[in-house]
Protein backbone atom coordinates (compact mmCIF):
# COMPACT_ATOMS: atom_id res chain seq x y z
CA MET A 1 -121.38 167.95 85.29
CA ASN A 2 -121.94 168.66 88.99
CA ALA A 3 -119.11 169.68 91.33
CA SER A 4 -118.92 166.31 93.04
CA ARG A 5 -118.65 164.46 89.76
CA ALA A 6 -116.10 166.95 88.43
CA ARG A 7 -113.99 166.48 91.52
CA ARG A 8 -114.09 162.70 91.11
CA LEU A 9 -113.07 163.10 87.46
CA PHE A 10 -110.25 165.46 88.42
CA LEU A 11 -108.92 162.99 90.98
CA ARG A 12 -109.14 160.19 88.43
CA TRP A 13 -107.03 162.16 85.97
CA MET A 14 -104.42 162.91 88.61
CA ILE A 15 -104.22 159.24 89.49
CA VAL A 16 -103.78 158.16 85.88
CA LEU A 17 -100.66 160.28 85.77
CA GLY A 18 -99.17 157.93 88.33
CA ALA A 19 -98.89 160.49 91.09
CA VAL A 20 -100.44 157.88 93.32
CA ALA A 21 -101.71 154.34 92.75
CA LEU A 22 -105.46 154.07 92.23
CA LEU A 23 -106.22 151.85 95.16
CA SER A 24 -108.75 152.26 97.94
CA LEU A 25 -107.26 154.25 100.79
CA ALA A 26 -110.29 153.96 103.04
CA VAL A 27 -109.78 152.21 106.36
CA PRO A 28 -111.54 148.82 106.09
CA GLN A 29 -114.47 147.99 108.32
CA ALA A 30 -113.03 146.04 111.23
CA GLN A 31 -114.06 144.68 114.57
CA ALA A 32 -111.67 145.05 117.49
CA GLN A 33 -110.95 142.14 119.75
CA ASN A 34 -107.92 143.06 121.86
CA SER A 35 -105.31 143.65 119.13
CA LEU A 36 -107.35 141.89 116.46
CA ARG A 37 -108.88 143.44 113.36
CA TYR A 38 -111.36 141.37 111.40
CA PHE A 39 -111.90 142.13 107.71
CA THR A 40 -115.31 141.26 106.33
CA GLN A 41 -113.95 141.70 102.79
CA THR A 42 -111.77 138.56 103.01
CA ARG A 43 -112.89 137.11 106.39
CA HIS A 44 -109.43 137.04 107.95
CA TYR A 45 -107.82 138.59 111.02
CA LEU A 46 -104.85 140.90 111.50
CA ARG A 47 -103.03 141.38 114.80
CA GLY A 48 -99.88 142.39 116.64
CA ALA A 49 -96.76 143.46 114.75
CA PHE A 50 -98.32 142.68 111.38
CA ARG A 51 -101.31 144.91 112.13
CA SER A 52 -99.05 147.76 113.25
CA PHE A 53 -96.83 147.48 110.15
CA TRP A 54 -99.85 147.24 107.82
CA GLU A 55 -101.51 150.34 109.31
CA ARG A 56 -98.32 152.44 109.35
CA ASN A 57 -97.20 151.69 105.79
CA GLY A 58 -100.21 152.15 103.56
CA GLY A 59 -102.74 149.52 104.62
CA VAL A 60 -105.07 148.20 101.95
CA GLY A 61 -103.84 150.73 99.39
CA VAL A 62 -100.35 149.18 99.33
CA PHE A 63 -100.73 145.64 100.64
CA GLY A 64 -104.39 144.77 100.09
CA TYR A 65 -106.48 142.82 102.60
CA PRO A 66 -105.18 139.78 104.52
CA ILE A 67 -106.02 136.56 102.67
CA THR A 68 -104.57 134.04 105.15
CA GLU A 69 -104.15 133.90 108.89
CA GLU A 70 -100.74 134.04 110.50
CA TYR A 71 -98.99 130.67 110.21
CA VAL A 72 -95.63 129.13 111.08
CA ARG A 73 -93.54 128.44 107.98
CA GLY A 74 -91.92 125.06 108.28
CA ALA A 75 -88.73 125.93 106.37
CA ASP A 76 -87.48 128.50 108.87
CA GLY A 77 -90.02 128.67 111.71
CA ARG A 78 -90.98 132.26 110.92
CA ILE A 79 -94.51 133.57 111.41
CA VAL A 80 -95.87 134.54 107.99
CA GLN A 81 -99.10 136.06 106.66
CA TYR A 82 -100.21 136.65 103.07
CA PHE A 83 -102.01 139.74 101.82
CA GLU A 84 -103.45 140.38 98.39
CA ARG A 85 -100.25 142.12 97.26
CA ALA A 86 -97.63 141.15 99.82
CA ARG A 87 -96.30 138.61 102.31
CA PHE A 88 -95.33 139.68 105.82
CA GLU A 89 -92.59 137.71 107.62
CA LEU A 90 -91.80 138.17 111.31
CA THR A 91 -88.27 138.12 112.69
CA VAL A 92 -87.64 138.55 116.41
CA ASN A 93 -84.36 140.25 117.36
CA GLY A 94 -84.09 140.24 121.12
CA ALA A 95 -87.25 141.92 122.37
CA GLN A 96 -87.89 143.65 119.03
CA ALA A 97 -90.27 142.27 116.38
CA ILE A 98 -89.16 143.11 112.84
CA VAL A 99 -91.52 142.73 109.88
CA ASN A 100 -89.91 141.88 106.56
CA LEU A 101 -91.64 141.76 103.19
CA GLY A 102 -91.39 138.67 101.00
CA ARG A 103 -89.73 138.93 97.57
CA LEU A 104 -92.91 138.14 95.68
CA GLY A 105 -91.79 139.83 92.47
CA VAL A 106 -88.69 137.65 92.34
CA GLU A 107 -90.67 134.52 93.20
CA VAL A 108 -93.49 135.02 90.70
CA THR A 109 -91.08 135.68 87.81
CA GLY A 110 -89.08 132.54 88.63
CA ASN A 111 -86.41 131.91 86.03
CA ARG A 112 -87.46 134.65 83.63
CA ILE A 113 -84.59 136.76 82.33
CA PHE A 114 -85.30 140.45 81.76
CA PRO A 115 -82.89 142.33 79.46
CA GLN A 116 -81.00 145.06 81.30
CA VAL A 117 -80.39 148.58 80.02
CA PRO A 118 -76.97 150.15 79.45
CA PRO A 119 -75.84 152.10 82.53
CA PHE A 120 -76.57 155.84 82.52
CA LYS A 121 -76.49 158.74 84.94
CA SER A 122 -79.86 159.19 86.63
CA TYR A 123 -81.75 162.42 86.00
CA ASN A 124 -85.06 163.87 87.20
CA ALA A 125 -87.27 161.94 84.82
CA ARG A 126 -85.47 158.60 84.95
CA THR A 127 -83.51 156.70 87.59
CA TYR A 128 -80.96 153.95 86.93
CA PHE A 129 -80.34 151.22 89.52
CA PRO A 130 -76.88 149.68 89.12
CA GLU A 131 -77.78 146.98 91.67
CA THR A 132 -80.19 145.36 89.19
CA GLY A 133 -79.30 147.01 85.87
CA HIS A 134 -82.80 148.41 85.40
CA SER A 135 -84.41 151.84 85.29
CA LEU A 136 -87.58 153.56 86.44
CA PHE A 137 -89.51 156.47 84.92
CA GLY A 138 -92.95 157.91 84.29
CA ALA A 139 -96.04 156.82 86.20
CA PHE A 140 -94.29 153.80 87.74
CA LYS A 141 -91.47 155.99 89.06
CA ALA A 142 -93.96 158.41 90.63
CA THR A 143 -95.86 155.55 92.28
CA TRP A 144 -92.69 153.87 93.57
CA GLU A 145 -91.43 157.13 95.09
CA ARG A 146 -94.72 158.12 96.70
CA ARG A 147 -95.86 154.76 98.03
CA GLY A 148 -92.76 153.41 99.76
CA ARG A 149 -89.71 153.16 97.47
CA ALA A 150 -87.28 150.29 97.96
CA ALA A 151 -88.30 149.72 101.59
CA ILE A 152 -91.72 148.52 100.47
CA PHE A 153 -91.36 147.46 96.84
CA GLY A 154 -87.66 146.69 96.46
CA LEU A 155 -85.69 147.64 93.34
CA PRO A 156 -86.90 147.14 89.76
CA ILE A 157 -85.94 143.75 88.30
CA SER A 158 -87.34 144.42 84.82
CA GLU A 159 -88.00 147.31 82.50
CA GLU A 160 -91.54 148.17 81.44
CA ILE A 161 -92.93 145.24 79.46
CA ASN A 162 -96.33 144.19 78.10
CA GLU A 163 -98.24 141.31 79.70
CA GLN A 164 -101.76 139.95 79.49
CA LEU A 165 -103.52 140.42 82.84
CA VAL A 166 -106.70 139.20 84.49
CA ASP A 167 -108.99 141.18 82.17
CA GLY A 168 -107.58 139.34 79.14
CA ARG A 169 -105.95 142.51 77.77
CA TRP A 170 -102.33 143.55 77.37
CA HIS A 171 -101.01 146.06 79.90
CA THR A 172 -97.70 147.77 80.55
CA VAL A 173 -96.18 146.26 83.71
CA GLN A 174 -92.90 146.40 85.59
CA TYR A 175 -91.58 143.92 88.14
CA PHE A 176 -89.89 144.85 91.38
CA GLU A 177 -88.30 142.62 94.01
CA ARG A 178 -91.51 142.61 96.06
CA ALA A 179 -94.21 143.83 93.66
CA ARG A 180 -95.57 144.22 90.14
CA PHE A 181 -96.78 147.61 88.95
CA GLU A 182 -99.57 147.53 86.33
CA LEU A 183 -100.80 150.35 84.09
CA TRP A 184 -104.59 150.27 83.68
CA ALA A 185 -107.02 152.72 82.14
CA ASP A 186 -107.68 154.18 85.59
CA GLY A 187 -104.04 154.48 86.64
CA VAL A 188 -101.25 152.46 88.25
CA ARG A 189 -102.30 149.40 90.21
CA LEU A 190 -100.23 147.03 92.32
CA GLY A 191 -100.45 143.44 91.13
CA LEU A 192 -102.16 140.81 93.28
CA LEU A 193 -98.99 138.72 93.69
CA GLY A 194 -100.00 137.58 97.15
CA ARG A 195 -103.12 135.96 95.72
CA ALA A 196 -100.99 134.30 93.05
CA LEU A 197 -98.56 132.74 95.55
CA ALA A 198 -100.51 132.10 98.77
CA PRO A 199 -100.81 128.37 99.60
CA ALA A 200 -104.37 127.20 98.88
CA GLN A 201 -104.72 125.34 102.19
CA LEU A 202 -104.28 128.61 104.10
CA LEU A 203 -106.98 130.61 102.31
CA GLU A 204 -109.87 129.15 104.32
CA PRO A 205 -111.85 132.07 105.83
CA TRP A 206 -112.72 132.46 109.51
CA PRO A 207 -116.00 133.70 111.00
CA ALA A 208 -116.17 137.11 112.67
CA GLU A 209 -117.11 135.65 116.04
CA VAL A 210 -114.27 133.11 116.31
CA ALA A 211 -110.59 134.06 115.90
CA PRO A 212 -107.73 131.54 115.62
CA PRO A 213 -106.06 130.96 118.99
CA GLY A 214 -102.67 131.73 117.46
CA PRO A 215 -100.60 131.11 114.32
CA LEU A 216 -101.72 128.10 112.25
CA ASN A 217 -99.39 125.43 110.91
CA GLU A 218 -98.57 125.08 107.20
CA LYS A 219 -101.52 122.73 106.72
CA GLY A 220 -103.89 125.47 107.86
CA GLU A 221 -104.60 123.77 111.19
CA PRO A 222 -106.54 124.29 113.34
CA HIS A 223 -109.35 124.80 110.85
CA PRO A 224 -112.15 127.31 111.42
CA PRO A 225 -115.36 125.94 112.89
CA ALA A 226 -117.79 124.35 110.43
CA GLY A 227 -121.33 125.36 109.72
CA ARG A 228 -120.88 128.70 108.00
CA PRO A 229 -123.81 129.48 105.68
CA PRO A 230 -122.90 129.38 101.96
CA GLN A 231 -122.88 132.65 100.05
CA PRO A 232 -125.66 133.00 97.46
CA PRO A 233 -124.42 132.89 93.86
CA PRO A 234 -124.38 136.21 91.98
CA PRO A 235 -127.23 136.79 89.53
CA PRO A 236 -126.41 135.76 85.95
CA PRO A 237 -125.44 138.63 83.63
CA PRO A 238 -127.84 139.58 80.82
CA THR A 239 -127.17 137.96 77.48
CA GLY A 240 -125.84 139.94 74.52
CA ASN A 241 -127.25 140.47 71.03
CA PRO A 242 -125.67 137.93 68.64
CA SER A 243 -126.73 139.92 65.56
CA LYS A 244 -124.28 142.68 66.58
CA LEU A 245 -121.16 140.57 67.09
CA GLY A 246 -120.00 140.56 63.46
CA VAL A 247 -120.59 144.24 62.69
CA LEU A 248 -117.48 145.77 61.12
CA ILE A 249 -116.65 149.31 62.25
CA HIS A 250 -112.94 149.91 61.72
CA GLN A 251 -113.12 150.92 58.04
CA GLY A 252 -114.83 154.14 59.07
CA LEU A 253 -112.60 154.91 62.05
CA GLY A 254 -109.18 155.69 60.61
CA VAL A 255 -106.70 157.73 62.64
CA ARG A 256 -105.81 161.07 61.02
CA GLY A 257 -102.13 161.67 61.62
CA PRO A 258 -99.32 159.57 63.12
CA GLY A 259 -101.04 157.90 66.03
CA ALA A 260 -103.10 154.96 67.27
CA ILE A 261 -105.90 154.12 69.67
CA THR A 262 -106.73 150.82 71.33
CA PRO A 263 -109.20 149.26 71.65
CA LEU A 264 -111.22 150.62 68.76
CA ALA A 265 -114.52 150.10 70.57
CA ALA A 266 -115.62 149.24 74.09
CA PRO A 267 -118.67 149.69 76.32
CA PRO A 268 -119.00 152.85 78.45
CA GLY A 269 -116.85 152.64 81.56
CA LEU A 270 -113.87 150.88 79.99
CA GLY A 271 -110.59 152.61 79.18
CA PHE A 272 -108.67 153.45 76.02
CA THR A 273 -105.01 154.18 75.23
CA PHE A 274 -104.16 156.91 72.71
CA THR A 275 -100.66 157.53 71.34
CA ALA A 276 -99.49 160.24 68.95
CA VAL A 277 -96.09 161.35 67.61
CA GLY A 278 -94.59 164.13 65.51
CA PHE A 279 -94.79 167.03 67.95
CA ASP A 280 -91.99 169.35 69.00
CA PRO A 281 -90.35 167.69 72.03
CA ALA A 282 -90.43 171.01 73.91
CA GLU A 283 -94.01 172.03 73.19
CA ARG A 284 -97.12 171.50 75.25
CA VAL A 285 -99.71 169.25 73.63
CA GLY A 286 -103.40 169.85 74.31
CA VAL A 287 -105.74 166.85 74.23
CA TRP A 288 -109.54 166.78 74.24
CA LEU A 289 -112.49 164.50 73.48
CA THR A 290 -115.33 165.28 71.08
CA LEU A 291 -118.62 163.56 71.91
CA PRO A 292 -120.89 161.97 69.29
CA GLY A 293 -123.12 164.24 67.19
CA LYS A 294 -123.49 167.66 68.77
CA GLY A 295 -122.63 166.42 72.24
CA GLY A 296 -119.86 168.94 72.74
CA VAL A 297 -116.31 168.62 74.01
CA GLU A 298 -114.94 166.90 77.09
CA ALA A 299 -111.63 168.26 78.35
CA ILE A 300 -108.75 166.00 79.30
CA ASP A 301 -106.63 167.26 82.14
CA PRO A 302 -103.12 168.20 80.85
CA ARG A 303 -101.60 166.08 83.60
CA LEU A 304 -102.97 163.01 81.84
CA VAL A 305 -100.71 163.64 78.87
CA GLY A 306 -97.52 161.66 79.26
CA SER A 307 -94.57 162.66 77.06
CA ASP A 308 -91.67 160.48 75.95
CA GLY A 309 -89.43 163.55 75.54
CA ARG A 310 -89.07 162.93 71.79
CA GLY A 311 -92.28 164.49 70.49
CA GLY A 312 -94.55 161.57 71.34
CA ILE A 313 -97.38 161.40 73.87
CA ARG A 314 -99.52 158.72 75.48
CA VAL A 315 -102.91 159.25 77.14
CA ILE A 316 -104.80 156.58 79.07
CA PHE A 317 -108.36 157.72 79.62
CA THR A 318 -111.93 156.69 80.31
CA PRO A 319 -114.67 158.98 78.96
CA SER A 320 -116.72 160.24 81.87
CA ALA A 321 -119.89 160.62 79.78
CA LYS A 322 -121.68 157.39 78.91
CA THR A 323 -122.95 158.62 75.54
CA GLU A 324 -122.75 155.79 73.02
CA GLY A 325 -121.61 156.48 69.48
CA THR A 326 -118.46 157.59 67.69
CA TRP A 327 -116.14 159.80 69.73
CA THR A 328 -112.84 161.36 68.74
CA ILE A 329 -109.74 162.20 70.73
CA THR A 330 -107.55 164.99 69.38
CA ALA A 331 -103.99 165.99 70.28
CA GLN A 332 -102.63 169.33 69.03
CA GLY A 333 -99.26 170.94 69.58
CA VAL A 334 -99.54 174.44 71.04
CA ASN A 335 -96.52 175.77 69.11
CA THR A 336 -96.53 173.78 65.86
CA GLY A 337 -100.30 173.36 65.47
CA ARG A 338 -99.73 169.76 64.40
CA SER A 339 -102.62 167.49 65.29
CA VAL A 340 -103.55 163.82 65.48
CA THR A 341 -107.20 162.75 65.68
CA ALA A 342 -108.35 159.22 66.51
CA PRO A 343 -112.01 158.18 66.32
CA PHE A 344 -113.26 155.41 68.60
CA LYS A 345 -116.64 154.06 69.56
CA LEU A 346 -118.51 153.62 72.82
CA THR A 347 -120.96 150.79 72.27
CA ARG A 348 -122.41 147.75 73.99
CA ASP A 349 -122.85 145.97 70.65
CA TYR A 350 -120.03 143.49 71.25
CA VAL A 351 -120.91 142.50 74.82
CA ALA A 352 -121.51 138.72 74.74
CA PRO A 353 -121.45 137.11 78.22
CA LEU A 354 -122.14 133.46 78.87
CA GLY A 355 -125.64 132.63 77.66
CA THR A 356 -125.40 134.73 74.49
CA PRO A 357 -126.42 132.62 71.45
CA ARG A 358 -123.35 131.91 69.34
CA PRO A 359 -123.63 133.04 65.69
CA ALA A 360 -122.89 130.60 62.89
CA ASN A 361 -119.36 130.51 61.48
CA TYR A 362 -118.85 131.90 57.97
CA HIS A 363 -116.26 130.43 55.57
CA GLY A 364 -114.50 128.64 58.41
CA SER A 365 -114.79 126.54 61.56
CA VAL A 366 -113.78 126.36 65.22
CA THR A 367 -113.16 123.01 66.93
CA PRO A 368 -114.56 122.57 69.52
CA SER A 369 -117.17 125.31 69.53
CA GLU A 370 -117.37 125.51 73.32
CA GLY A 371 -115.02 124.73 76.18
CA GLY A 372 -113.26 125.80 79.37
CA ARG A 373 -109.74 126.51 80.58
CA ARG A 374 -108.24 123.25 79.36
CA THR A 375 -109.77 123.56 75.92
CA VAL A 376 -107.60 124.39 72.92
CA PHE A 377 -109.76 125.99 70.23
CA ALA A 378 -108.54 125.38 66.66
CA LEU A 379 -109.64 128.11 64.22
CA SER A 380 -109.48 127.93 60.42
CA GLY A 381 -110.85 129.84 57.44
CA THR A 382 -110.56 129.77 53.66
CA GLY A 383 -111.27 131.69 50.44
CA PHE A 384 -108.62 134.42 50.46
CA ARG A 385 -106.01 135.14 47.81
CA ALA A 386 -102.57 133.61 48.20
CA ASN A 387 -100.52 135.48 50.81
CA GLU A 388 -103.16 138.19 51.05
CA LEU A 389 -102.94 140.78 53.82
CA LEU A 390 -105.98 140.51 56.10
CA ASP A 391 -107.71 142.76 58.58
CA LEU A 392 -108.23 140.76 61.79
CA TRP A 393 -110.49 142.06 64.52
CA ILE A 394 -111.29 140.21 67.70
CA THR A 395 -114.35 140.81 69.86
CA SER A 396 -114.35 139.56 73.45
CA PRO A 397 -117.32 138.94 75.79
CA ASP A 398 -116.71 142.15 77.74
CA GLY A 399 -117.47 144.13 74.58
CA VAL A 400 -113.97 145.10 73.45
CA TYR A 401 -113.16 145.38 69.70
CA LEU A 402 -109.43 145.00 68.97
CA LEU A 403 -108.04 145.51 65.46
CA THR A 404 -104.86 143.90 64.20
CA SER A 405 -103.75 142.20 60.99
CA ALA A 406 -102.86 138.77 59.64
CA ARG A 407 -101.83 137.18 56.35
CA ALA A 408 -103.29 134.26 54.43
CA ASP A 409 -101.02 131.37 53.52
CA ARG A 410 -100.05 130.52 49.94
CA ASN A 411 -103.32 128.59 49.57
CA GLY A 412 -105.44 131.54 50.72
CA ARG A 413 -106.21 130.09 54.13
CA VAL A 414 -105.78 131.01 57.80
CA GLY A 415 -105.32 128.55 60.63
CA TYR A 416 -103.61 125.85 58.55
CA ALA A 417 -99.94 126.72 58.18
CA PRO A 418 -99.36 127.79 60.86
CA SER A 419 -102.37 126.62 62.82
CA MET A 420 -104.43 129.11 64.83
CA LEU A 421 -104.81 127.72 68.37
CA VAL A 422 -106.43 129.66 71.21
CA GLN A 423 -106.40 128.64 74.87
CA LEU A 424 -107.91 130.91 77.53
CA GLY A 425 -107.46 131.00 81.29
CA PRO A 426 -109.12 132.32 84.45
CA GLN A 427 -108.08 135.89 83.61
CA ASN A 428 -110.18 135.91 80.42
CA PRO A 429 -113.85 136.98 80.41
CA ILE A 430 -116.34 134.18 79.79
CA GLY A 431 -118.80 134.21 76.93
CA VAL A 432 -118.68 134.37 73.14
CA TYR A 433 -115.47 135.35 71.32
CA GLY A 434 -115.39 136.40 67.69
CA TYR A 435 -112.39 136.22 65.32
CA HIS A 436 -113.10 138.08 62.09
CA TYR A 437 -110.94 138.27 58.94
CA LEU A 438 -111.35 140.47 55.87
CA GLY A 439 -109.18 140.23 52.75
CA THR A 440 -107.81 143.66 51.89
CA GLN A 441 -107.73 142.75 48.17
CA SER A 442 -110.39 140.08 47.69
CA GLY A 443 -112.94 141.40 50.19
CA GLN A 444 -113.42 137.81 51.39
CA ARG A 445 -114.89 137.60 54.88
CA VAL A 446 -114.37 134.89 57.50
CA ASP A 447 -116.22 134.96 60.86
CA LEU A 448 -115.38 132.45 63.57
CA TYR A 449 -117.08 132.15 66.96
CA PHE A 450 -116.58 130.02 70.06
CA THR A 451 -117.85 130.08 73.64
CA PHE A 452 -115.47 130.10 76.59
CA THR A 453 -117.21 128.75 79.69
CA GLY A 454 -114.37 129.40 82.14
CA SER A 455 -114.87 126.03 83.80
């Protein structure tokens, strides 16, 4: 590994710890026109007090790029502008312009009720906020403290919870008054709440050579000049190999010791989460990766290893080497010598983007076999023993292999009582999905496939 690559890996590990959010800190390319900055990334302008506030308080790393122009909000007459992760609101007090941040976290959660935690005295690792009845710790605490605290993000309005995000996977998230923190394989990200809440009529981009004369109205008027050339569509992704989509791998990948890893397989470049328990709460735990075959060992920076203070650890990592095959991650206590080892696989076998031929179903059916966001796919399978425990593994078009479990009904079926209904949205990858069942007693196999078009 060369020095440049090692440095990038080192920085990635530091970021995963939550010391800082993994977001681009580079100053965007911009064109100056008086106080204007034009962003080619989103084709919108930034000016005046909003530009000054954006540049002084973290820029794209905290707020993202502007996704609307300034406009006058009809409800209160304020000048407002949306960014990917924030909303700026201008208040004029005498001759002073004051920029406030919209409460996007409160707005996007709506009427959701988040259980509070019993009050406790804050300590170094965990802070309690009596104003909202919630707490903050770990990677999210480090990010909140380093990137702006309450002045930028507000106070926490939830504890850490699990939610399905735009990649179709479940992530640990926490809501704040003005933000959502998200834990990904590459570190803490700030949720794109501005994109979720910005009015559609204000998203229309502007050309670099013509800036709006001033704030727009709520209808997005005046509109940018017509005649902009359309962007060419991206090239279609290569199709996958349908003969690989039903290959079972989990029976040979059992975790040794009290721990877990998810997903069980993924293509190179995607992340994994490893958890292990049973260590001495006070001991240091070393963690390393073993490459396939005789590929050697890849160290994991100790700062990646998050401890719960009770003898449990969690590591979120992405192997830097792209070597396909069966890897293992091992955690070992320095004092006790206790260890947990979890095998996982780097493979492109389960990648199945749109265009991949859909395999035939086996001992079951999916109705309909293809559809978009409004489609409800009904899955069913038969031939198991009554009330039999089943292995269930799901493969998604991005190549992820997730293992869970299910149980057959009293007639040896799945998808009948209760029914198995699947509906996907814009956050889910498009292509061929596979739902696979295996009876742990009977050995009966059911394979169900459907294609999600995303339309």
